[in-house]
Amino acid sequence: MSTSTIDRRGIIYRVLTLIAVALIGTAFFQPGWWVSLTAPNYPESTFPQGIRILFHMDSVQNGCYIRDSVEVVETEALDCVHEMDTINHYVGMYPIASGGPVEKAFSPFLFTMLAVMALTFAAPGRIVRMVVAVGGFGGIAVWMTMAMYTENGIRLHTTNYLEGMVVSLGQDAGETAVNPNLPTIVQMLQQSLAESEAEEAEAVAESGDKAAMIKTLKRAYELDNRKLPLKEQEDWNGSVMQVFKWHYAKSLNRWFNEPERNEPLVQMMDNIAQLLYAAVIGVMVLLVLVAWSVRTIFHWLLVLGPMALPVGFLAEYAAWLWWYGHTLNEMGAFTLKPFMPTVFGQGKVAQFATHSYPATGFFLMLASSALLLLAALIRRKQLRLAGEDARGM
């Protein structure tokens, strides 16, 4: 086999890998899956998409859009995340914001790690390969550590992640229970204040201003912190670890304030986050060692990891659906037996039809996996031919 043929294969597999990396990066900013609920009391004329939400890698976002109707003029779309939460809580489901807290917190670092793995796989020669691996994984380690543990580290996370948290705060405020034992005027003031807080949170989220969103989160955190016993209070430091743990607890308690049930869940997620941080650091150290030689079987981990992205996403999505359907709270207005929500296709829960389908991000992940598989096969052939030429010399 001529050297030019081997070199041509090298160019092809590297180009395919670079395209796959671009697709992975694009997929991060696109919704990976969407879910909607439809029912007779939500007519298509009013809810053309049903009650629809979009699962992004770092947040859950509204999937409803402003209606294009002659009869009705809308200036803003219905908040379908809040609408679905309201529907779900009647059967004892926890709020959508309480799902995947660790995955959302680590998503930008994990996606970047997969991209660096693929780039290391494509890098020509040992020196360049090691520069990409050490520089890329080292940069992720510094970025992740600063975001997770340093003061105001939340600023290093994505805008969508902060927006999802702030929007959820607005829902919490809007659903604040008014004490019926208080005088009517006080009840009215409490309700008015809650509505104002909800509107303010929504406006801040829509602005896309990171500083304003962090300020809103800090204010809400400090209000909650002052309600705790003095020995349990912890000053705001703005790290992702602190904010995600507080926000997760707040989400769990929105509908069902049961400390004996919710606090162990919060502690478990905190422990998982700490372990995942250590695991990611450990895996990146291993991948730097793996990058040294292309002649070991472990070298293929660099491409197999990014290739498995859609499988990992779908597994996580299905696991969280199972959790939602099997942790129904008895405080719900209606009682349902534990069930597995529909992962793909159409299903039915009570009077609602459920629809669950992949979105743009998932198709981009599938495309990247296909390109990486092709790149891996070409690279394998190239290495085999190069080895045969070396033995024939």
Foldseek 3Di string as FASTA:
>chain_A
DDPVVLVVLLVQLLVLLVVLLVLLVVLQVWFFKKKAKDFPVCDCVNFVPHLMWTHHQQAIAGPFAFDPDPVDHDPGTDRSLLVVQVVLVLQQFFRPLLAPLLRNLCVVLLSQLLSLLSNLLSQPDQVRSLCSLCVSLVVSLVLLCQQADAFQSVLSHDLNNLLRLLLVVLSLLQLDDFDPVDDPVVSVVSNVVSNVSSVVSNVQSVVSDSVSSLVNLQVVLVVVLVVDPPVPRDHHRNHSLVSSLVSSLSRRCSSPNDCVPRVVVSVVSSVVSVVVSVVSSVVSVVQSVLSNDPPDPCSCVSLVVLLCVLVVVLVSQQVRQQVRQCNRDPPNNDHDHRDRPDSAAWDDDVRMIMHMHTDDSSVSSNSSSVSSVVSVVSVVVSVVVVVVVVVVD
